[in-house]
PDB file of all heavy atoms in Angstrom:
ATOM      1  N   ARG A   1      98.418 110.032  85.618  1.00  0.00           N
ATOM      2  CA  ARG A   1      97.620 108.836  85.909  1.00  0.00           C
ATOM      3  C   ARG A   1      96.971 109.038  87.275  1.00  0.00           C
ATOM      4  O   ARG A   1      97.615 109.474  88.220  1.00  0.00           O
ATOM      5  CB  ARG A   1      98.534 107.622  85.913  1.00  0.00           C
ATOM      6  CG  ARG A   1      97.855 106.313  86.179  1.00  0.00           C
ATOM      7  CD  ARG A   1      98.924 105.204  86.081  1.00  0.00           C
ATOM      8  NE  ARG A   1      98.440 103.946  86.534  1.00  0.00           N
ATOM      9  CZ  ARG A   1      97.954 103.007  85.751  1.00  0.00           C
ATOM     10  NH1 ARG A   1      97.902 103.194  84.461  1.00  0.00           N
ATOM     11  NH2 ARG A   1      97.524 101.871  86.242  1.00  0.00           N
ATOM     12  N   LEU A   2      95.681 108.710  87.396  1.00  0.00           N
ATOM     13  CA  LEU A   2      94.942 108.848  88.641  1.00  0.00           C
ATOM     14  C   LEU A   2      94.155 107.564  88.880  1.00  0.00           C
ATOM     15  O   LEU A   2      93.376 107.147  88.018  1.00  0.00           O
ATOM     16  CB  LEU A   2      93.991 110.048  88.565  1.00  0.00           C
ATOM     17  CG  LEU A   2      93.080 110.267  89.756  1.00  0.00           C
ATOM     18  CD1 LEU A   2      93.893 110.609  90.996  1.00  0.00           C
ATOM     19  CD2 LEU A   2      92.088 111.382  89.459  1.00  0.00           C
ATOM     20  N   ALA A   3      94.383 106.923  90.030  1.00  0.00           N
ATOM     21  CA  ALA A   3      93.693 105.666  90.354  1.00  0.00           C
ATOM     22  C   ALA A   3      93.146 105.731  91.772  1.00  0.00           C
ATOM     23  O   ALA A   3      93.725 106.376  92.656  1.00  0.00           O
ATOM     24  CB  ALA A   3      94.651 104.493  90.214  1.00  0.00           C
ATOM     25  N   LEU A   4      92.013 105.055  91.991  1.00  0.00           N
ATOM     26  CA  LEU A   4      91.357 104.996  93.294  1.00  0.00           C
ATOM     27  C   LEU A   4      91.212 103.539  93.699  1.00  0.00           C
ATOM     28  O   LEU A   4      90.831 102.689  92.883  1.00  0.00           O
ATOM     29  CB  LEU A   4      89.981 105.648  93.230  1.00  0.00           C
ATOM     30  CG  LEU A   4      89.090 105.470  94.460  1.00  0.00           C
ATOM     31  CD1 LEU A   4      89.595 106.338  95.600  1.00  0.00           C
ATOM     32  CD2 LEU A   4      87.653 105.800  94.133  1.00  0.00           C
ATOM     33  N   ASP A   5      91.508 103.244  94.969  1.00  0.00           N
ATOM     34  CA  ASP A   5      91.332 101.900  95.532  1.00  0.00           C
ATOM     35  C   ASP A   5      90.627 102.059  96.873  1.00  0.00           C
ATOM     36  O   ASP A   5      91.166 102.684  97.791  1.00  0.00           O
ATOM     37  CB  ASP A   5      92.701 101.236  95.702  1.00  0.00           C
ATOM     38  CG  ASP A   5      92.618  99.823  96.276  1.00  0.00           C
ATOM     39  OD1 ASP A   5      91.500  99.300  96.432  1.00  0.00           O
ATOM     40  OD2 ASP A   5      93.687  99.258  96.567  1.00  0.00           O
ATOM     41  N   HIS A   6      89.395 101.532  96.976  1.00  0.00           N
ATOM     42  CA  HIS A   6      88.623 101.657  98.220  1.00  0.00           C
ATOM     43  C   HIS A   6      88.191 100.271  98.684  1.00  0.00           C
ATOM     44  O   HIS A   6      87.638  99.488  97.912  1.00  0.00           O
ATOM     45  CB  HIS A   6      87.397 102.547  98.020  1.00  0.00           C
ATOM     46  CG  HIS A   6      86.548 102.632  99.257  1.00  0.00           C
ATOM     47  ND1 HIS A   6      86.944 103.337 100.376  1.00  0.00           N
ATOM     48  CD2 HIS A   6      85.349 102.084  99.555  1.00  0.00           C
ATOM     49  CE1 HIS A   6      86.007 103.221 101.302  1.00  0.00           C
ATOM     50  NE2 HIS A   6      85.031 102.465 100.824  1.00  0.00           N
ATOM     51  N   ASN A   7      88.450  99.982  99.950  1.00  0.00           N
ATOM     52  CA  ASN A   7      88.019  98.734 100.582  1.00  0.00           C
ATOM     53  C   ASN A   7      87.047  99.092 101.695  1.00  0.00           C
ATOM     54  O   ASN A   7      87.388  99.870 102.591  1.00  0.00           O
ATOM     55  CB  ASN A   7      89.236  97.984 101.155  1.00  0.00           C
ATOM     56  CG  ASN A   7      88.852  96.616 101.655  1.00  0.00           C
ATOM     57  OD1 ASN A   7      88.700  95.690 100.874  1.00  0.00           O
ATOM     58  ND2 ASN A   7      88.685  96.474 102.969  1.00  0.00           N
ATOM     59  N   GLN A   8      85.835  98.558 101.628  1.00  0.00           N
ATOM     60  CA  GLN A   8      84.800  98.850 102.615  1.00  0.00           C
ATOM     61  C   GLN A   8      84.396  97.572 103.342  1.00  0.00           C
ATOM     62  O   GLN A   8      83.937  96.615 102.719  1.00  0.00           O
ATOM     63  CB  GLN A   8      83.571  99.463 101.932  1.00  0.00           C
ATOM     64  CG  GLN A   8      82.446  99.820 102.871  1.00  0.00           C
ATOM     65  CD  GLN A   8      82.821 100.954 103.810  1.00  0.00           C
ATOM     66  OE1 GLN A   8      83.354 101.972 103.385  1.00  0.00           O
ATOM     67  NE2 GLN A   8      82.563 100.774 105.091  1.00  0.00           N
ATOM     68  N   VAL A   9      84.560  97.553 104.672  1.00  0.00           N
ATOM     69  CA  VAL A   9      84.109  96.420 105.476  1.00  0.00           C
ATOM     70  C   VAL A   9      82.598  96.522 105.625  1.00  0.00           C
ATOM     71  O   VAL A   9      82.076  97.546 106.050  1.00  0.00           O
ATOM     72  CB  VAL A   9      84.792  96.418 106.861  1.00  0.00           C
ATOM     73  CG1 VAL A   9      84.210  95.323 107.740  1.00  0.00           C
ATOM     74  CG2 VAL A   9      86.288  96.253 106.711  1.00  0.00           C
ATOM     75  N   LEU A  10      81.894  95.453 105.248  1.00  0.00           N
ATOM     76  CA  LEU A  10      80.439  95.421 105.376  1.00  0.00           C
ATOM     77  C   LEU A  10      80.026  94.676 106.640  1.00  0.00           C
ATOM     78  O   LEU A  10      79.143  95.129 107.370  1.00  0.00           O
ATOM     79  CB  LEU A  10      79.812  94.765 104.147  1.00  0.00           C
ATOM     80  CG  LEU A  10      80.127  95.461 102.817  1.00  0.00           C
ATOM     81  CD1 LEU A  10      79.577  94.664 101.655  1.00  0.00           C
ATOM     82  CD2 LEU A  10      79.592  96.879 102.808  1.00  0.00           C
ATOM     83  N   ILE A  11      80.637  93.522 106.898  1.00  0.00           N
ATOM     84  CA  ILE A  11      80.441  92.768 108.138  1.00  0.00           C
ATOM     85  C   ILE A  11      81.829  92.437 108.663  1.00  0.00           C
ATOM     86  O   ILE A  11      82.589  91.718 107.999  1.00  0.00           O
ATOM     87  CB  ILE A  11      79.627  91.472 107.904  1.00  0.00           C
ATOM     88  CG1 ILE A  11      78.260  91.794 107.318  1.00  0.00           C
ATOM     89  CG2 ILE A  11      79.493  90.682 109.207  1.00  0.00           C
ATOM     90  CD1 ILE A  11      77.461  90.575 106.899  1.00  0.00           C
ATOM     91  N   LYS A  12      82.169  92.968 109.836  1.00  0.00           N
ATOM     92  CA  LYS A  12      83.522  92.837 110.397  1.00  0.00           C
ATOM     93  C   LYS A  12      84.009  91.385 110.364  1.00  0.00           C
ATOM     94  O   LYS A  12      83.311  90.478 110.808  1.00  0.00           O
ATOM     95  CB  LYS A  12      83.527  93.368 111.831  1.00  0.00           C
ATOM     96  CG  LYS A  12      84.857  93.343 112.503  1.00  0.00           C
ATOM     97  CD  LYS A  12      85.677  94.534 112.112  1.00  0.00           C
ATOM     98  CE  LYS A  12      86.924  94.587 112.990  1.00  0.00           C
ATOM     99  NZ  LYS A  12      88.035  95.165 112.333  1.00  0.00           N
ATOM    100  N   ASP A  13      85.198  91.191 109.785  1.00  0.00           N
ATOM    101  CA  ASP A  13      85.881  89.895 109.678  1.00  0.00           C
ATOM    102  C   ASP A  13      85.125  88.848 108.852  1.00  0.00           C
ATOM    103  O   ASP A  13      85.458  87.663 108.895  1.00  0.00           O
ATOM    104  CB  ASP A  13      86.208  89.314 111.062  1.00  0.00           C
ATOM    105  CG  ASP A  13      87.205  90.170 111.810  1.00  0.00           C
ATOM    106  OD1 ASP A  13      88.091  90.754 111.153  1.00  0.00           O
ATOM    107  OD2 ASP A  13      87.093  90.255 113.049  1.00  0.00           O
ATOM    108  N   ARG A  14      84.091  89.252 108.115  1.00  0.00           N
ATOM    109  CA  ARG A  14      83.338  88.286 107.305  1.00  0.00           C
ATOM    110  C   ARG A  14      83.119  88.720 105.857  1.00  0.00           C
ATOM    111  O   ARG A  14      83.219  87.910 104.952  1.00  0.00           O
ATOM    112  CB  ARG A  14      81.985  88.002 107.936  1.00  0.00           C
ATOM    113  CG  ARG A  14      82.057  87.343 109.275  1.00  0.00           C
ATOM    114  CD  ARG A  14      80.825  86.522 109.521  1.00  0.00           C
ATOM    115  NE  ARG A  14      80.860  85.936 110.833  1.00  0.00           N
ATOM    116  CZ  ARG A  14      81.276  84.700 111.067  1.00  0.00           C
ATOM    117  NH1 ARG A  14      81.691  83.960 110.091  1.00  0.00           N
ATOM    118  NH2 ARG A  14      81.271  84.229 112.290  1.00  0.00           N
ATOM    119  N   LEU A  15      82.801  90.007 105.654  1.00  0.00           N
ATOM    120  CA  LEU A  15      82.404  90.455 104.323  1.00  0.00           C
ATOM    121  C   LEU A  15      82.924  91.868 104.057  1.00  0.00           C
ATOM    122  O   LEU A  15      82.811  92.748 104.911  1.00  0.00           O
ATOM    123  CB  LEU A  15      80.875  90.437 104.192  1.00  0.00           C
ATOM    124  CG  LEU A  15      80.280  90.827 102.844  1.00  0.00           C
ATOM    125  CD1 LEU A  15      80.686  89.815 101.775  1.00  0.00           C
ATOM    126  CD2 LEU A  15      78.776  90.919 102.950  1.00  0.00           C
ATOM    127  N   ALA A  16      83.486  92.035 102.865  1.00  0.00           N
ATOM    128  CA  ALA A  16      83.988  93.350 102.470  1.00  0.00           C
ATOM    129  C   ALA A  16      83.783  93.524 100.968  1.00  0.00           C
ATOM    130  O   ALA A  16      83.618  92.554 100.224  1.00  0.00           O
ATOM    131  CB  ALA A  16      85.457  93.492 102.822  1.00  0.00           C
ATOM    132  N   LEU A  17      83.812  94.775 100.544  1.00  0.00           N
ATOM    133  CA  LEU A  17      83.683  95.130  99.137  1.00  0.00           C
ATOM    134  C   LEU A  17      84.882  95.988  98.775  1.00  0.00           C
ATOM    135  O   LEU A  17      85.226  96.930  99.502  1.00  0.00           O
ATOM    136  CB  LEU A  17      82.390  95.913  98.903  1.00  0.00           C
ATOM    137  CG  LEU A  17      82.169  96.477  97.504  1.00  0.00           C
ATOM    138  CD1 LEU A  17      81.949  95.334  96.516  1.00  0.00           C
ATOM    139  CD2 LEU A  17      80.999  97.429  97.500  1.00  0.00           C
ATOM    140  N   ARG A  18      85.528  95.668  97.652  1.00  0.00           N
ATOM    141  CA  ARG A  18      86.680  96.455  97.210  1.00  0.00           C
ATOM    142  C   ARG A  18      86.436  96.922  95.795  1.00  0.00           C
ATOM    143  O   ARG A  18      86.077  96.148  94.916  1.00  0.00           O
ATOM    144  CB  ARG A  18      87.955  95.621  97.279  1.00  0.00           C
ATOM    145  CG  ARG A  18      89.200  96.450  97.052  1.00  0.00           C
ATOM    146  CD  ARG A  18      90.405  95.756  97.580  1.00  0.00           C
ATOM    147  NE  ARG A  18      91.582  96.600  97.554  1.00  0.00           N
ATOM    148  CZ  ARG A  18      92.738  96.233  98.031  1.00  0.00           C
ATOM    149  NH1 ARG A  18      92.882  95.045  98.576  1.00  0.00           N
ATOM    150  NH2 ARG A  18      93.768  97.049  97.978  1.00  0.00           N
ATOM    151  N   VAL A  19      86.650  98.212  95.578  1.00  0.00           N
ATOM    152  CA  VAL A  19      86.477  98.823  94.267  1.00  0.00           C
ATOM    153  C   VAL A  19      87.777  99.527  93.900  1.00  0.00           C
ATOM    154  O   VAL A  19      88.297 100.324  94.682  1.00  0.00           O
ATOM    155  CB  VAL A  19      85.312  99.841  94.273  1.00  0.00           C
ATOM    156  CG1 VAL A  19      85.194 100.525  92.927  1.00  0.00           C
ATOM    157  CG2 VAL A  19      84.012  99.177  94.668  1.00  0.00           C
ATOM    158  N   ALA A  20      88.295  99.196  92.725  1.00  0.00           N
ATOM    159  CA  ALA A  20      89.492  99.860  92.215  1.00  0.00           C
ATOM    160  C   ALA A  20      89.166 100.394  90.834  1.00  0.00           C
ATOM    161  O   ALA A  20      88.528  99.717  90.034  1.00  0.00           O
ATOM    162  CB  ALA A  20      90.656  98.885  92.154  1.00  0.00           C
ATOM    163  N   SER A  21      89.598 101.617  90.576  1.00  0.00           N
ATOM    164  CA  SER A  21      89.264 102.225  89.303  1.00  0.00           C
ATOM    165  C   SER A  21      90.401 103.123  88.834  1.00  0.00           C
ATOM    166  O   SER A  21      91.057 103.785  89.642  1.00  0.00           O
ATOM    167  CB  SER A  21      87.987 103.050  89.427  1.00  0.00           C
ATOM    168  OG  SER A  21      87.668 103.642  88.194  1.00  0.00           O
ATOM    169  N   LEU A  22      90.606 103.138  87.538  1.00  0.00           N
ATOM    170  CA  LEU A  22      91.571 104.031  86.909  1.00  0.00           C
ATOM    171  C   LEU A  22      90.760 105.170  86.315  1.00  0.00           C
ATOM    172  O   LEU A  22      89.987 104.980  85.378  1.00  0.00           O
ATOM    173  CB  LEU A  22      92.342 103.275  85.826  1.00  0.00           C
ATOM    174  CG  LEU A  22      93.438 104.037  85.103  1.00  0.00           C
ATOM    175  CD1 LEU A  22      94.511 104.480  86.085  1.00  0.00           C
ATOM    176  CD2 LEU A  22      94.054 103.161  84.040  1.00  0.00           C
ATOM    177  N   PHE A  23      90.898 106.364  86.881  1.00  0.00           N
ATOM    178  CA  PHE A  23      90.095 107.509  86.457  1.00  0.00           C
ATOM    179  C   PHE A  23      90.663 108.241  85.251  1.00  0.00           C
ATOM    180  O   PHE A  23      89.923 108.737  84.440  1.00  0.00           O
ATOM    181  CB  PHE A  23      89.905 108.492  87.605  1.00  0.00           C
ATOM    182  CG  PHE A  23      88.891 108.041  88.603  1.00  0.00           C
ATOM    183  CD1 PHE A  23      89.303 107.558  89.829  1.00  0.00           C
ATOM    184  CD2 PHE A  23      87.561 108.046  88.307  1.00  0.00           C
ATOM    185  CE1 PHE A  23      88.383 107.116  90.741  1.00  0.00           C
ATOM    186  CE2 PHE A  23      86.626 107.609  89.200  1.00  0.00           C
ATOM    187  CZ  PHE A  23      87.035 107.141  90.438  1.00  0.00           C
ATOM    188  N   GLY A  24      91.933 108.334  85.171  1.00  0.00           N
ATOM    189  CA  GLY A  24      92.509 109.054  84.047  1.00  0.00           C
ATOM    190  C   GLY A  24      93.933 108.629  83.811  1.00  0.00           C
ATOM    191  O   GLY A  24      94.662 108.314  84.729  1.00  0.00           O
ATOM    192  N   GLU A  25      94.284 108.612  82.528  1.00  0.00           N
ATOM    193  CA  GLU A  25      95.649 108.294  82.170  1.00  0.00           C
ATOM    194  C   GLU A  25      95.964 108.932  80.828  1.00  0.00           C
ATOM    195  O   GLU A  25      95.161 108.880  79.908  1.00  0.00           O
ATOM    196  CB  GLU A  25      95.854 106.783  82.073  1.00  0.00           C
ATOM    197  CG  GLU A  25      97.269 106.400  81.696  1.00  0.00           C
ATOM    198  CD  GLU A  25      97.489 104.899  81.734  1.00  0.00           C
ATOM    199  OE1 GLU A  25      96.656 104.150  81.207  1.00  0.00           O
ATOM    200  OE2 GLU A  25      98.524 104.503  82.274  1.00  0.00           O
TER     201      GLU A  25
END
């Protein structure tokens, strides 16, 4: 099983984007 979780701050302390994905299982 391979999974990715990335959290990217777009505007400090106000806005962020989070992407989680299961690549293989």
